Amino acid sequence: MRYLICLSFLLCGCGAQPAPTNVNVPLAELAPGMLDAAKKKLPDVTFDSARKKKVKGEEVFEIRGKQPNGKIREVEFNSAGVVIEVE
């Protein structure tokens, strides 16, 4: 009987849950200068959300907003606060 119980734990996964790969971050909690840098890259965008994610094992911050025409734009930063991509 113990064998069956142990086997069921192994099959169901009783370990710790992996950390989420995408986590929402309030704009006020971004590193100093990130939001200002995003506004310089895309001055006509109203930024309204940010998230932290893993890309190739590295922490990346993505700040997202909309242009006046409704198009969604994003600016990505590495953990040092350097712009790595503008979409």
C-alpha atoms as a PDB file:
ATOM      1  CA  MET A   1       0.000   0.000   0.000  1.00  0.00           C
ATOM      2  CA  ARG A   2       2.812   2.432   0.847  1.00  0.00           C
ATOM      3  CA  TYR A   3       4.327   1.730  -2.521  1.00  0.00           C
ATOM      4  CA  LEU A   4       1.122   2.831  -4.259  1.00  0.00           C
ATOM      5  CA  ILE A   5       0.906   6.026  -2.215  1.00  0.00           C
ATOM      6  CA  CYS A   6       4.527   6.936  -2.984  1.00  0.00           C
ATOM      7  CA  LEU A   7       4.019   6.142  -6.638  1.00  0.00           C
ATOM      8  CA  SER A   8       0.938   8.365  -6.799  1.00  0.00           C
ATOM      9  CA  PHE A   9       2.906  11.299  -5.315  1.00  0.00           C
ATOM     10  CA  LEU A  10       5.629  10.827  -7.897  1.00  0.00           C
ATOM     11  CA  LEU A  11       3.187  10.698 -10.780  1.00  0.00           C
ATOM     12  CA  CYS A  12       1.144  13.674  -9.608  1.00  0.00           C
ATOM     13  CA  GLY A  13       4.147  15.842  -8.798  1.00  0.00           C
ATOM     14  CA  CYS A  14       4.398  16.697  -5.141  1.00  0.00           C
ATOM     15  CA  GLY A  15       7.383  19.035  -5.443  1.00  0.00           C
ATOM     16  CA  ALA A  16       7.472  22.802  -5.394  1.00  0.00           C
ATOM     17  CA  GLN A  17       5.769  24.594  -8.229  1.00  0.00           C
ATOM     18  CA  PRO A  18       8.112  26.334 -10.696  1.00  0.00           C
ATOM     19  CA  ALA A  19       8.234  30.105 -10.474  1.00  0.00           C
ATOM     20  CA  PRO A  20       5.957  31.850 -12.966  1.00  0.00           C
ATOM     21  CA  THR A  21       7.777  33.031 -16.067  1.00  0.00           C
ATOM     22  CA  ASN A  22       5.600  36.123 -16.586  1.00  0.00           C
ATOM     23  CA  VAL A  23       4.871  38.327 -13.590  1.00  0.00           C
ATOM     24  CA  ASN A  24       3.007  41.641 -13.744  1.00  0.00           C
ATOM     25  CA  VAL A  25       4.933  44.533 -12.227  1.00  0.00           C
ATOM     26  CA  PRO A  26       3.333  47.863 -11.255  1.00  0.00           C
ATOM     27  CA  LEU A  27       4.864  50.752 -13.229  1.00  0.00           C
ATOM     28  CA  ALA A  28       5.748  52.467  -9.945  1.00  0.00           C
ATOM     29  CA  GLU A  29       7.958  49.506  -8.992  1.00  0.00           C
ATOM     30  CA  LEU A  30      10.135  49.532 -12.116  1.00  0.00           C
ATOM     31  CA  ALA A  31      13.789  50.394 -11.712  1.00  0.00           C
ATOM     32  CA  PRO A  32      14.411  54.158 -11.747  1.00  0.00           C
ATOM     33  CA  GLY A  33      14.719  55.471 -15.284  1.00  0.00           C
ATOM     34  CA  MET A  34      13.103  52.533 -17.103  1.00  0.00           C
ATOM     35  CA  LEU A  35       9.777  54.253 -17.723  1.00  0.00           C
ATOM     36  CA  ASP A  36      11.511  57.499 -18.737  1.00  0.00           C
ATOM     37  CA  ALA A  37      13.737  55.598 -21.183  1.00  0.00           C
ATOM     38  CA  ALA A  38      10.673  53.887 -22.691  1.00  0.00           C
ATOM     39  CA  LYS A  39       8.983  57.279 -23.113  1.00  0.00           C
ATOM     40  CA  LYS A  40      12.088  58.619 -24.889  1.00  0.00           C
ATOM     41  CA  LYS A  41      12.108  55.651 -27.283  1.00  0.00           C
ATOM     42  CA  LEU A  42       8.356  55.891 -28.008  1.00  0.00           C
ATOM     43  CA  PRO A  43       7.195  59.408 -27.049  1.00  0.00           C
ATOM     44  CA  ASP A  44       3.668  59.067 -28.475  1.00  0.00           C
ATOM     45  CA  VAL A  45       2.870  55.897 -26.481  1.00  0.00           C
ATOM     46  CA  THR A  46       0.883  55.906 -23.239  1.00  0.00           C
ATOM     47  CA  PHE A  47       2.469  53.146 -21.150  1.00  0.00           C
ATOM     48  CA  ASP A  48       0.049  51.301 -18.898  1.00  0.00           C
ATOM     49  CA  SER A  49       1.563  47.946 -17.890  1.00  0.00           C
ATOM     50  CA  ALA A  50       4.813  46.138 -17.255  1.00  0.00           C
ATOM     51  CA  ARG A  51       5.863  42.582 -16.647  1.00  0.00           C
ATOM     52  CA  LYS A  52       8.967  40.635 -15.733  1.00  0.00           C
ATOM     53  CA  LYS A  53       9.761  37.483 -17.703  1.00  0.00           C
ATOM     54  CA  LYS A  54      12.579  35.070 -18.443  1.00  0.00           C
ATOM     55  CA  VAL A  55      14.104  35.059 -21.923  1.00  0.00           C
ATOM     56  CA  LYS A  56      16.897  32.546 -22.531  1.00  0.00           C
ATOM     57  CA  GLY A  57      17.353  32.284 -18.771  1.00  0.00           C
ATOM     58  CA  GLU A  58      17.746  36.044 -18.265  1.00  0.00           C
ATOM     59  CA  GLU A  59      15.355  38.408 -16.519  1.00  0.00           C
ATOM     60  CA  VAL A  60      13.698  40.858 -18.929  1.00  0.00           C
ATOM     61  CA  PHE A  61      11.302  43.699 -18.182  1.00  0.00           C
ATOM     62  CA  GLU A  62       8.679  44.573 -20.800  1.00  0.00           C
ATOM     63  CA  ILE A  63       6.841  47.903 -20.628  1.00  0.00           C
ATOM     64  CA  ARG A  64       3.717  48.001 -22.779  1.00  0.00           C
ATOM     65  CA  GLY A  65       1.435  50.790 -23.963  1.00  0.00           C
ATOM     66  CA  LYS A  66      -0.685  52.104 -26.838  1.00  0.00           C
ATOM     67  CA  GLN A  67      -0.172  54.692 -29.524  1.00  0.00           C
ATOM     68  CA  PRO A  68      -3.013  57.157 -30.178  1.00  0.00           C
ATOM     69  CA  ASN A  69      -4.140  54.970 -33.127  1.00  0.00           C
ATOM     70  CA  GLY A  70      -4.534  51.974 -30.766  1.00  0.00           C
ATOM     71  CA  LYS A  71      -1.430  50.048 -31.835  1.00  0.00           C
ATOM     72  CA  ILE A  72       0.264  48.263 -28.922  1.00  0.00           C
ATOM     73  CA  ARG A  73       3.985  48.934 -28.521  1.00  0.00           C
ATOM     74  CA  GLU A  74       6.573  47.456 -26.177  1.00  0.00           C
ATOM     75  CA  VAL A  75      10.020  48.332 -24.901  1.00  0.00           C
ATOM     76  CA  GLU A  76      12.125  45.557 -23.356  1.00  0.00           C
ATOM     77  CA  PHE A  77      14.948  46.055 -20.869  1.00  0.00           C
ATOM     78  CA  ASN A  78      17.534  43.694 -19.443  1.00  0.00           C
ATOM     79  CA  SER A  79      18.007  43.462 -15.677  1.00  0.00           C
ATOM     80  CA  ALA A  80      20.613  46.267 -15.833  1.00  0.00           C
ATOM     81  CA  GLY A  81      17.979  48.650 -17.266  1.00  0.00           C
ATOM     82  CA  VAL A  82      19.394  48.764 -20.798  1.00  0.00           C
ATOM     83  CA  VAL A  83      16.925  48.793 -23.722  1.00  0.00           C
ATOM     84  CA  ILE A  84      17.280  45.530 -25.652  1.00  0.00           C
ATOM     85  CA  GLU A  85      14.288  45.706 -27.984  1.00  0.00           C
ATOM     86  CA  VAL A  86      11.578  48.094 -29.178  1.00  0.00           C
ATOM     87  CA  GLU A  87       8.501  46.587 -30.791  1.00  0.00           C
END
